[in-house]
């Protein structure tokens, strides 16, 4: 397989419509009912941590990271990580993951959670959240509820219900 001329870059405001089309192709209309979506509902992603993948001028992937909180402090919610189905299995999702985690670590964030496929995310250091430690705003398979520390000890004090940080509250929580 020939390597793609892949470019990972920050998400631009003009990318929004293409990213929404990408989400629709990859996840379908049922994405709005998922617990992971409810965790992000009403909270704008952190623009400095959102990345896109392009092949030429074609947007083929996206990862977004948003702010959340639980008892004990702030955390990040990763997702969605999306790759155009016609470009799957080419390392695009992995490239986006590595870049997004490095950006979050570089910005001083300590903990990231997500709902996703454990075998895929394990290679990036994610592990299941200990049962009962954190609570999502809806049902989820516990094997798919994952976290990763970006700073040693960041998960020690965090517990309870995870809530998205709404834009109006963000100045008081992050920043």
N, C-alpha and C. Protein backbone atom coordinates (compact mmCIF):
# COMPACT_ATOMS: atom_id res chain seq x y z
N UNK A 1 0.85 -1.18 0.00
CA UNK A 1 0.00 0.00 0.00
C UNK A 1 0.89 1.24 0.00
N UNK A 2 0.62 2.18 -0.84
CA UNK A 2 1.35 3.43 -0.93
C UNK A 2 0.92 4.35 0.18
N UNK A 3 1.89 5.03 0.82
CA UNK A 3 1.58 5.96 1.89
C UNK A 3 0.80 7.16 1.33
N UNK A 4 -0.18 7.57 2.07
CA UNK A 4 -0.98 8.72 1.67
C UNK A 4 -0.22 10.01 1.97
N UNK A 5 -0.41 11.06 1.16
CA UNK A 5 0.17 12.36 1.49
C UNK A 5 -0.70 13.03 2.57
N UNK A 6 -0.63 12.53 3.78
CA UNK A 6 -1.50 12.94 4.87
C UNK A 6 -0.97 14.18 5.58
N UNK A 7 -1.85 15.14 5.82
CA UNK A 7 -1.51 16.34 6.59
C UNK A 7 -2.45 16.39 7.79
N UNK A 8 -1.87 16.49 8.99
CA UNK A 8 -2.64 16.70 10.22
C UNK A 8 -2.47 18.17 10.57
N UNK A 9 -3.58 18.84 10.74
CA UNK A 9 -3.52 20.28 11.06
C UNK A 9 -4.65 20.64 12.01
N UNK A 10 -4.54 21.80 12.68
CA UNK A 10 -5.65 22.25 13.55
C UNK A 10 -6.94 22.41 12.74
N UNK A 11 -8.04 22.13 13.41
CA UNK A 11 -9.35 22.34 12.78
C UNK A 11 -9.55 23.83 12.56
N UNK A 12 -10.03 24.19 11.38
CA UNK A 12 -10.35 25.58 11.07
C UNK A 12 -11.86 25.77 11.20
N UNK A 13 -12.32 26.98 11.52
CA UNK A 13 -13.77 27.22 11.63
C UNK A 13 -14.53 26.81 10.36
N UNK A 14 -13.93 26.99 9.21
CA UNK A 14 -14.59 26.64 7.94
C UNK A 14 -14.72 25.13 7.74
N UNK A 15 -14.04 24.31 8.57
CA UNK A 15 -14.11 22.86 8.44
C UNK A 15 -15.42 22.28 8.98
N UNK A 16 -16.16 23.05 9.75
CA UNK A 16 -17.36 22.55 10.42
C UNK A 16 -18.31 21.76 9.54
N UNK A 17 -18.76 22.29 8.40
CA UNK A 17 -19.70 21.52 7.56
C UNK A 17 -19.11 20.20 7.05
N UNK A 18 -17.84 20.20 6.66
CA UNK A 18 -17.22 18.96 6.18
C UNK A 18 -17.10 17.94 7.31
N UNK A 19 -16.82 18.40 8.52
CA UNK A 19 -16.72 17.49 9.66
C UNK A 19 -18.09 16.91 9.99
N UNK A 20 -19.13 17.72 9.94
CA UNK A 20 -20.48 17.20 10.20
C UNK A 20 -20.88 16.16 9.16
N UNK A 21 -20.53 16.39 7.90
CA UNK A 21 -20.81 15.38 6.86
C UNK A 21 -20.02 14.10 7.13
N UNK A 22 -18.79 14.24 7.56
CA UNK A 22 -17.95 13.09 7.91
C UNK A 22 -18.58 12.30 9.05
N UNK A 23 -19.06 12.99 10.10
CA UNK A 23 -19.73 12.32 11.22
C UNK A 23 -20.99 11.58 10.74
N UNK A 24 -21.74 12.21 9.87
CA UNK A 24 -22.96 11.57 9.36
C UNK A 24 -22.63 10.30 8.58
N UNK A 25 -21.58 10.35 7.73
CA UNK A 25 -21.19 9.16 6.96
C UNK A 25 -20.67 8.05 7.88
N UNK A 26 -19.89 8.41 8.87
CA UNK A 26 -19.24 7.41 9.72
C UNK A 26 -20.17 6.84 10.79
N UNK A 27 -21.06 7.66 11.36
CA UNK A 27 -21.85 7.23 12.51
C UNK A 27 -23.35 7.19 12.28
N UNK A 28 -23.83 7.83 11.23
CA UNK A 28 -25.26 7.81 10.94
C UNK A 28 -26.08 8.65 11.90
N UNK A 29 -27.40 8.65 11.71
CA UNK A 29 -28.27 9.50 12.55
C UNK A 29 -28.36 9.03 14.00
N UNK A 30 -28.04 7.79 14.29
CA UNK A 30 -28.10 7.29 15.66
C UNK A 30 -27.07 7.88 16.59
N UNK A 31 -26.11 8.63 16.03
CA UNK A 31 -25.04 9.20 16.87
C UNK A 31 -25.59 10.16 17.92
N UNK A 32 -26.71 10.81 17.66
CA UNK A 32 -27.24 11.79 18.59
C UNK A 32 -27.83 11.17 19.84
N UNK A 33 -28.14 9.88 19.80
CA UNK A 33 -28.75 9.21 20.95
C UNK A 33 -27.70 8.54 21.85
N UNK A 34 -26.48 8.50 21.43
CA UNK A 34 -25.44 7.81 22.20
C UNK A 34 -25.04 8.61 23.44
N UNK A 35 -24.66 7.90 24.48
CA UNK A 35 -24.20 8.53 25.72
C UNK A 35 -23.01 9.45 25.47
N UNK A 36 -22.08 9.02 24.63
CA UNK A 36 -20.90 9.85 24.34
C UNK A 36 -21.31 11.20 23.75
N UNK A 37 -22.34 11.21 22.91
CA UNK A 37 -22.81 12.46 22.34
C UNK A 37 -23.39 13.35 23.44
N UNK A 38 -24.18 12.75 24.34
CA UNK A 38 -24.77 13.53 25.43
C UNK A 38 -23.70 14.13 26.34
N UNK A 39 -22.59 13.45 26.47
CA UNK A 39 -21.49 13.97 27.28
C UNK A 39 -20.90 15.24 26.67
N UNK A 40 -20.99 15.37 25.37
CA UNK A 40 -20.44 16.55 24.68
C UNK A 40 -21.49 17.61 24.39
N UNK A 41 -22.77 17.27 24.56
CA UNK A 41 -23.87 18.15 24.19
C UNK A 41 -23.78 19.49 24.93
N UNK A 42 -23.84 20.57 24.17
CA UNK A 42 -23.83 21.90 24.75
C UNK A 42 -22.46 22.42 25.13
N UNK A 43 -21.43 21.61 24.98
CA UNK A 43 -20.07 22.04 25.31
C UNK A 43 -19.28 22.13 24.01
N UNK A 44 -18.81 23.31 23.70
CA UNK A 44 -18.02 23.48 22.49
C UNK A 44 -16.66 22.80 22.66
N UNK A 45 -16.18 22.15 21.63
CA UNK A 45 -14.84 21.55 21.72
C UNK A 45 -13.79 22.64 21.92
N UNK A 46 -12.67 22.25 22.47
CA UNK A 46 -11.56 23.18 22.68
C UNK A 46 -10.80 23.31 21.36
N UNK A 47 -10.93 24.44 20.71
CA UNK A 47 -10.39 24.61 19.36
C UNK A 47 -8.90 24.30 19.28
N UNK A 48 -8.15 24.59 20.32
CA UNK A 48 -6.70 24.37 20.29
C UNK A 48 -6.34 22.88 20.34
N UNK A 49 -7.32 22.01 20.62
CA UNK A 49 -7.05 20.57 20.70
C UNK A 49 -7.75 19.77 19.60
N UNK A 50 -8.49 20.45 18.73
CA UNK A 50 -9.23 19.76 17.66
C UNK A 50 -8.39 19.76 16.38
N UNK A 51 -8.28 18.57 15.79
CA UNK A 51 -7.42 18.40 14.63
C UNK A 51 -8.18 17.77 13.47
N UNK A 52 -7.67 17.99 12.27
CA UNK A 52 -8.22 17.36 11.08
C UNK A 52 -7.10 16.67 10.32
N UNK A 53 -7.49 15.71 9.49
CA UNK A 53 -6.56 15.02 8.60
C UNK A 53 -7.02 15.28 7.18
N UNK A 54 -6.09 15.65 6.34
CA UNK A 54 -6.40 15.92 4.94
C UNK A 54 -5.50 15.11 4.02
N UNK A 55 -6.09 14.65 2.93
CA UNK A 55 -5.36 14.07 1.82
C UNK A 55 -5.63 15.04 0.68
N UNK A 56 -4.62 15.76 0.29
CA UNK A 56 -4.82 16.86 -0.65
C UNK A 56 -5.70 17.90 0.02
N UNK A 57 -6.80 18.25 -0.62
CA UNK A 57 -7.73 19.21 -0.02
C UNK A 57 -8.94 18.51 0.59
N UNK A 58 -8.95 17.18 0.55
CA UNK A 58 -10.09 16.41 1.03
C UNK A 58 -9.95 16.09 2.51
N UNK A 59 -10.90 16.53 3.32
CA UNK A 59 -10.89 16.27 4.75
C UNK A 59 -11.31 14.81 4.96
N UNK A 60 -10.39 13.98 5.48
CA UNK A 60 -10.65 12.55 5.63
C UNK A 60 -10.74 12.10 7.08
N UNK A 61 -10.44 13.00 8.01
CA UNK A 61 -10.50 12.62 9.41
C UNK A 61 -10.58 13.84 10.31
N UNK A 62 -11.07 13.58 11.52
CA UNK A 62 -11.22 14.65 12.51
C UNK A 62 -11.20 14.04 13.90
N UNK A 63 -10.64 14.78 14.83
CA UNK A 63 -10.75 14.42 16.24
C UNK A 63 -11.06 15.71 16.99
N UNK A 64 -12.00 15.60 17.91
CA UNK A 64 -12.36 16.73 18.74
C UNK A 64 -12.18 16.35 20.20
N UNK A 65 -11.82 17.34 21.00
CA UNK A 65 -11.66 17.17 22.43
C UNK A 65 -12.37 18.33 23.11
N UNK A 66 -13.20 18.00 24.10
CA UNK A 66 -13.96 19.03 24.79
C UNK A 66 -13.73 18.98 26.30
N UNK A 67 -14.13 20.04 26.96
CA UNK A 67 -13.94 20.13 28.41
C UNK A 67 -15.08 19.48 29.18
N UNK A 68 -14.73 18.88 30.29
CA UNK A 68 -15.73 18.31 31.20
C UNK A 68 -15.18 18.43 32.60
N UNK A 69 -16.01 18.05 33.56
CA UNK A 69 -15.57 18.08 34.96
C UNK A 69 -16.28 16.97 35.72
N UNK A 70 -15.68 16.62 36.82
CA UNK A 70 -16.27 15.67 37.76
C UNK A 70 -15.83 16.13 39.14
N UNK A 71 -16.32 15.48 40.16
CA UNK A 71 -15.86 15.81 41.51
C UNK A 71 -14.35 15.66 41.54
N UNK A 72 -13.67 16.68 41.99
CA UNK A 72 -12.22 16.62 42.08
C UNK A 72 -11.49 17.34 40.98
N UNK A 73 -12.19 17.78 39.94
CA UNK A 73 -11.48 18.57 38.96
C UNK A 73 -11.88 18.40 37.52
N UNK A 74 -11.17 19.12 36.64
CA UNK A 74 -11.47 19.10 35.21
C UNK A 74 -10.88 17.86 34.54
N UNK A 75 -11.45 17.54 33.40
CA UNK A 75 -10.91 16.49 32.55
C UNK A 75 -11.32 16.80 31.12
N UNK A 76 -10.80 16.02 30.19
CA UNK A 76 -11.13 16.19 28.79
C UNK A 76 -11.96 15.00 28.31
N UNK A 77 -12.82 15.25 27.34
CA UNK A 77 -13.58 14.19 26.69
C UNK A 77 -13.12 14.15 25.23
N UNK A 78 -12.53 13.04 24.84
CA UNK A 78 -12.07 12.87 23.47
C UNK A 78 -13.19 12.27 22.64
N UNK A 79 -13.46 12.90 21.53
CA UNK A 79 -14.43 12.34 20.61
C UNK A 79 -15.33 13.41 20.03
N UNK A 80 -15.83 13.12 18.89
CA UNK A 80 -15.56 11.89 18.16
C UNK A 80 -14.24 11.93 17.40
N UNK A 81 -13.66 10.75 17.29
CA UNK A 81 -12.54 10.50 16.39
C UNK A 81 -13.19 9.87 15.16
N UNK A 82 -13.06 10.52 14.03
CA UNK A 82 -13.77 10.08 12.83
C UNK A 82 -12.82 10.01 11.64
N UNK A 83 -12.93 8.92 10.90
CA UNK A 83 -12.18 8.78 9.65
C UNK A 83 -13.18 8.39 8.57
N UNK A 84 -13.07 9.03 7.43
CA UNK A 84 -13.94 8.70 6.31
C UNK A 84 -13.85 7.20 6.05
N UNK A 85 -14.99 6.51 5.99
CA UNK A 85 -14.95 5.06 5.79
C UNK A 85 -14.14 4.61 4.57
N UNK A 86 -14.08 5.41 3.53
CA UNK A 86 -13.30 5.02 2.35
C UNK A 86 -11.79 5.16 2.58
N UNK A 87 -11.39 5.73 3.73
CA UNK A 87 -9.96 5.87 4.06
C UNK A 87 -9.60 5.08 5.32
N UNK A 88 -10.45 4.15 5.72
CA UNK A 88 -10.19 3.39 6.94
C UNK A 88 -8.99 2.46 6.76
N UNK A 89 -8.41 2.04 7.87
CA UNK A 89 -7.28 1.11 7.91
C UNK A 89 -6.04 1.64 7.19
N UNK A 90 -5.83 2.94 7.25
CA UNK A 90 -4.65 3.54 6.63
C UNK A 90 -3.82 4.33 7.63
N UNK A 91 -4.13 4.18 8.92
CA UNK A 91 -3.35 4.86 9.95
C UNK A 91 -3.77 6.28 10.25
N UNK A 92 -4.86 6.74 9.65
CA UNK A 92 -5.29 8.13 9.84
C UNK A 92 -5.80 8.34 11.27
N UNK A 93 -6.62 7.41 11.77
CA UNK A 93 -7.11 7.53 13.14
C UNK A 93 -5.97 7.51 14.14
N UNK A 94 -5.00 6.65 13.93
CA UNK A 94 -3.84 6.58 14.83
C UNK A 94 -3.04 7.88 14.81
N UNK A 95 -2.84 8.44 13.62
CA UNK A 95 -2.11 9.70 13.51
C UNK A 95 -2.84 10.82 14.24
N UNK A 96 -4.16 10.86 14.09
CA UNK A 96 -4.95 11.88 14.79
C UNK A 96 -4.88 11.68 16.31
N UNK A 97 -4.95 10.43 16.76
CA UNK A 97 -4.88 10.15 18.21
C UNK A 97 -3.55 10.62 18.79
N UNK A 98 -2.46 10.23 18.17
CA UNK A 98 -1.14 10.62 18.69
C UNK A 98 -1.01 12.14 18.76
N UNK A 99 -1.43 12.81 17.70
CA UNK A 99 -1.31 14.28 17.66
C UNK A 99 -2.22 14.95 18.69
N UNK A 100 -3.43 14.43 18.87
CA UNK A 100 -4.36 15.07 19.81
C UNK A 100 -3.90 14.87 21.25
N UNK A 101 -3.42 13.67 21.57
CA UNK A 101 -2.94 13.44 22.94
C UNK A 101 -1.71 14.28 23.24
N UNK A 102 -0.83 14.43 22.27
CA UNK A 102 0.36 15.26 22.47
C UNK A 102 -0.04 16.72 22.66
N UNK A 103 -1.02 17.20 21.89
CA UNK A 103 -1.49 18.58 22.04
C UNK A 103 -2.10 18.80 23.43
N UNK A 104 -2.90 17.83 23.90
CA UNK A 104 -3.53 17.96 25.22
C UNK A 104 -2.48 17.95 26.32
N UNK A 105 -1.52 17.05 26.22
CA UNK A 105 -0.44 16.99 27.21
C UNK A 105 0.36 18.30 27.19
N UNK A 106 0.69 18.78 25.98
CA UNK A 106 1.44 20.02 25.85
C UNK A 106 0.72 21.23 26.39
N UNK A 107 -0.62 21.19 26.39
CA UNK A 107 -1.42 22.30 26.92
C UNK A 107 -1.61 22.18 28.43
N UNK A 108 -1.05 21.14 29.04
CA UNK A 108 -1.11 21.01 30.49
C UNK A 108 -2.30 20.27 31.05
N UNK A 109 -3.06 19.58 30.21
CA UNK A 109 -4.20 18.82 30.69
C UNK A 109 -3.74 17.51 31.31
N UNK A 110 -4.52 17.00 32.27
CA UNK A 110 -4.08 15.83 33.01
C UNK A 110 -4.79 14.54 32.73
N UNK A 111 -6.08 14.58 32.33
CA UNK A 111 -6.87 13.35 32.21
C UNK A 111 -7.82 13.44 31.02
N UNK A 112 -7.91 12.34 30.26
CA UNK A 112 -8.80 12.26 29.11
C UNK A 112 -9.68 11.02 29.28
N UNK A 113 -10.97 11.17 29.00
CA UNK A 113 -11.89 10.02 28.99
C UNK A 113 -12.51 9.93 27.60
N UNK A 114 -13.01 8.73 27.27
CA UNK A 114 -13.72 8.52 26.02
C UNK A 114 -14.57 7.27 26.12
N UNK A 115 -15.48 7.13 25.20
CA UNK A 115 -16.25 5.90 25.04
C UNK A 115 -15.86 5.37 23.67
N UNK A 116 -15.25 4.18 23.65
CA UNK A 116 -14.78 3.66 22.37
C UNK A 116 -14.28 2.23 22.45
N UNK A 117 -13.73 1.79 21.36
CA UNK A 117 -13.26 0.42 21.17
C UNK A 117 -11.93 0.22 21.92
N UNK A 118 -11.99 -0.53 23.03
CA UNK A 118 -10.81 -0.72 23.87
C UNK A 118 -9.60 -1.26 23.11
N UNK A 119 -9.74 -2.26 22.24
CA UNK A 119 -8.55 -2.74 21.54
C UNK A 119 -7.85 -1.64 20.71
N UNK A 120 -8.60 -0.74 20.10
CA UNK A 120 -7.98 0.36 19.35
C UNK A 120 -7.31 1.34 20.30
N UNK A 121 -8.02 1.79 21.33
CA UNK A 121 -7.50 2.85 22.19
C UNK A 121 -6.44 2.38 23.19
N UNK A 122 -6.39 1.10 23.47
CA UNK A 122 -5.38 0.56 24.39
C UNK A 122 -3.97 0.90 23.92
N UNK A 123 -3.74 0.88 22.62
CA UNK A 123 -2.39 1.15 22.10
C UNK A 123 -1.93 2.59 22.36
N UNK A 124 -2.87 3.44 22.74
CA UNK A 124 -2.53 4.83 23.06
C UNK A 124 -2.51 5.07 24.58
N UNK A 125 -2.57 3.98 25.35
CA UNK A 125 -2.46 4.09 26.80
C UNK A 125 -3.78 4.17 27.53
N UNK A 126 -4.91 3.99 26.85
CA UNK A 126 -6.20 4.04 27.52
C UNK A 126 -6.50 2.71 28.19
N UNK A 127 -7.21 2.78 29.31
CA UNK A 127 -7.62 1.60 30.07
C UNK A 127 -9.04 1.84 30.58
N UNK A 128 -9.76 0.77 30.91
CA UNK A 128 -11.11 0.97 31.44
C UNK A 128 -11.11 1.79 32.73
N UNK A 129 -12.10 2.66 32.85
CA UNK A 129 -12.29 3.41 34.09
C UNK A 129 -12.73 2.40 35.15
N UNK A 130 -12.12 2.43 36.34
CA UNK A 130 -12.54 1.49 37.38
C UNK A 130 -14.05 1.60 37.65
N UNK A 131 -14.72 0.47 37.78
CA UNK A 131 -16.18 0.48 37.98
C UNK A 131 -16.60 1.39 39.13
N UNK A 132 -17.60 2.23 38.84
CA UNK A 132 -18.16 3.12 39.85
C UNK A 132 -17.37 4.39 40.09
N UNK A 133 -16.20 4.52 39.51
CA UNK A 133 -15.34 5.69 39.76
C UNK A 133 -15.89 6.96 39.12
N UNK A 134 -16.30 6.84 37.86
CA UNK A 134 -16.90 7.96 37.15
C UNK A 134 -18.23 7.49 36.56
N UNK A 135 -19.17 8.43 36.44
CA UNK A 135 -20.50 8.10 35.96
C UNK A 135 -20.81 8.97 34.75
N UNK A 136 -21.25 8.32 33.68
CA UNK A 136 -21.64 9.03 32.46
C UNK A 136 -23.13 9.37 32.49
N UNK A 137 -23.56 10.33 31.65
CA UNK A 137 -24.97 10.73 31.63
C UNK A 137 -25.85 9.79 30.81
N UNK A 138 -25.65 8.51 30.96
CA UNK A 138 -26.43 7.52 30.23
C UNK A 138 -25.72 6.18 30.25
N UNK A 139 -26.37 5.16 29.72
CA UNK A 139 -25.79 3.82 29.76
C UNK A 139 -24.61 3.67 28.79
N UNK A 140 -23.66 2.85 29.19
CA UNK A 140 -22.51 2.55 28.33
C UNK A 140 -21.93 1.22 28.77
N UNK A 141 -21.41 0.46 27.84
CA UNK A 141 -20.72 -0.78 28.15
C UNK A 141 -19.46 -0.40 28.93
N UNK A 142 -19.29 -0.88 30.17
CA UNK A 142 -18.12 -0.50 30.97
C UNK A 142 -16.79 -0.79 30.30
N UNK A 143 -16.73 -1.79 29.44
CA UNK A 143 -15.48 -2.11 28.74
C UNK A 143 -15.12 -1.05 27.71
N UNK A 144 -16.09 -0.18 27.35
CA UNK A 144 -15.84 0.87 26.36
C UNK A 144 -15.61 2.24 27.00
N UNK A 145 -15.77 2.34 28.31
CA UNK A 145 -15.56 3.60 29.02
C UNK A 145 -14.11 3.62 29.50
N UNK A 146 -13.30 4.46 28.84
CA UNK A 146 -11.85 4.43 29.00
C UNK A 146 -11.30 5.77 29.45
N UNK A 147 -10.12 5.70 30.08
CA UNK A 147 -9.42 6.93 30.45
C UNK A 147 -7.93 6.76 30.29
N UNK A 148 -7.25 7.93 30.27
CA UNK A 148 -5.80 7.95 30.17
C UNK A 148 -5.29 9.18 30.88
N UNK A 149 -4.32 8.97 31.75
CA UNK A 149 -3.66 10.09 32.39
C UNK A 149 -2.64 10.68 31.43
N UNK A 150 -2.62 11.99 31.37
CA UNK A 150 -1.59 12.70 30.62
C UNK A 150 -0.54 13.24 31.57
N UNK A 151 -0.91 13.34 32.84
CA UNK A 151 0.00 13.76 33.90
C UNK A 151 -0.17 12.76 35.05
N UNK A 152 0.93 12.30 35.56
CA UNK A 152 0.89 11.29 36.62
C UNK A 152 0.04 11.76 37.80
N UNK A 153 -0.86 10.90 38.25
CA UNK A 153 -1.72 11.19 39.39
C UNK A 153 -2.96 11.99 39.08
N UNK A 154 -3.19 12.34 37.82
CA UNK A 154 -4.32 13.19 37.46
C UNK A 154 -5.67 12.53 37.74
N UNK A 155 -5.72 11.22 37.77
CA UNK A 155 -7.00 10.55 38.01
C UNK A 155 -7.28 10.33 39.49
N UNK A 156 -6.32 10.57 40.34
CA UNK A 156 -6.42 10.22 41.77
C UNK A 156 -7.63 10.85 42.46
N UNK A 157 -7.92 12.11 42.20
CA UNK A 157 -8.97 12.81 42.93
C UNK A 157 -10.28 12.90 42.17
N UNK A 158 -10.32 12.42 40.94
CA UNK A 158 -11.50 12.60 40.10
C UNK A 158 -12.46 11.43 40.30
N UNK A 159 -13.73 11.77 40.56
CA UNK A 159 -14.75 10.75 40.75
C UNK A 159 -16.12 11.36 40.50
N UNK A 160 -17.16 10.51 40.50
CA UNK A 160 -18.53 10.98 40.40
C UNK A 160 -19.00 11.19 38.98
N UNK A 161 -20.06 11.97 38.85
CA UNK A 161 -20.71 12.23 37.56
C UNK A 161 -19.87 13.17 36.71
N UNK A 162 -19.69 12.79 35.46
CA UNK A 162 -19.00 13.66 34.51
C UNK A 162 -20.04 14.58 33.88
N UNK A 163 -19.70 15.87 33.84
CA UNK A 163 -20.57 16.88 33.26
C UNK A 163 -19.79 17.67 32.22
N UNK A 164 -20.40 17.93 31.07
CA UNK A 164 -19.71 18.80 30.11
C UNK A 164 -19.61 20.20 30.68
N UNK A 165 -18.56 20.90 30.32
CA UNK A 165 -18.40 22.29 30.74
C UNK A 165 -18.97 23.15 29.62
N UNK A 166 -20.08 23.76 29.89
CA UNK A 166 -20.74 24.61 28.91
C UNK A 166 -19.90 25.86 28.66
N UNK A 167 -20.02 26.42 27.48
CA UNK A 167 -19.22 27.58 27.10
C UNK A 167 -19.34 28.72 28.10
N UNK A 168 -20.54 28.97 28.63
CA UNK A 168 -20.74 30.09 29.56
C UNK A 168 -19.99 29.86 30.86
N UNK A 169 -19.77 28.61 31.24
CA UNK A 169 -19.07 28.31 32.49
C UNK A 169 -17.58 28.11 32.30
N UNK A 170 -17.14 27.97 31.07
CA UNK A 170 -15.76 27.58 30.80
C UNK A 170 -14.75 28.54 31.41
N UNK A 171 -14.99 29.83 31.37
CA UNK A 171 -14.02 30.78 31.91
C UNK A 171 -13.76 30.52 33.38
N UNK A 172 -14.75 30.00 34.09
CA UNK A 172 -14.58 29.74 35.51
C UNK A 172 -13.93 28.39 35.79
N UNK A 173 -13.90 27.50 34.81
CA UNK A 173 -13.42 26.15 35.06
C UNK A 173 -12.08 25.89 34.39
N UNK A 174 -11.95 26.27 33.15
CA UNK A 174 -10.72 26.02 32.41
C UNK A 174 -10.16 27.36 31.97
N UNK A 175 -8.93 27.54 32.29
CA UNK A 175 -8.37 28.65 31.69
C UNK A 175 -7.68 29.71 32.20
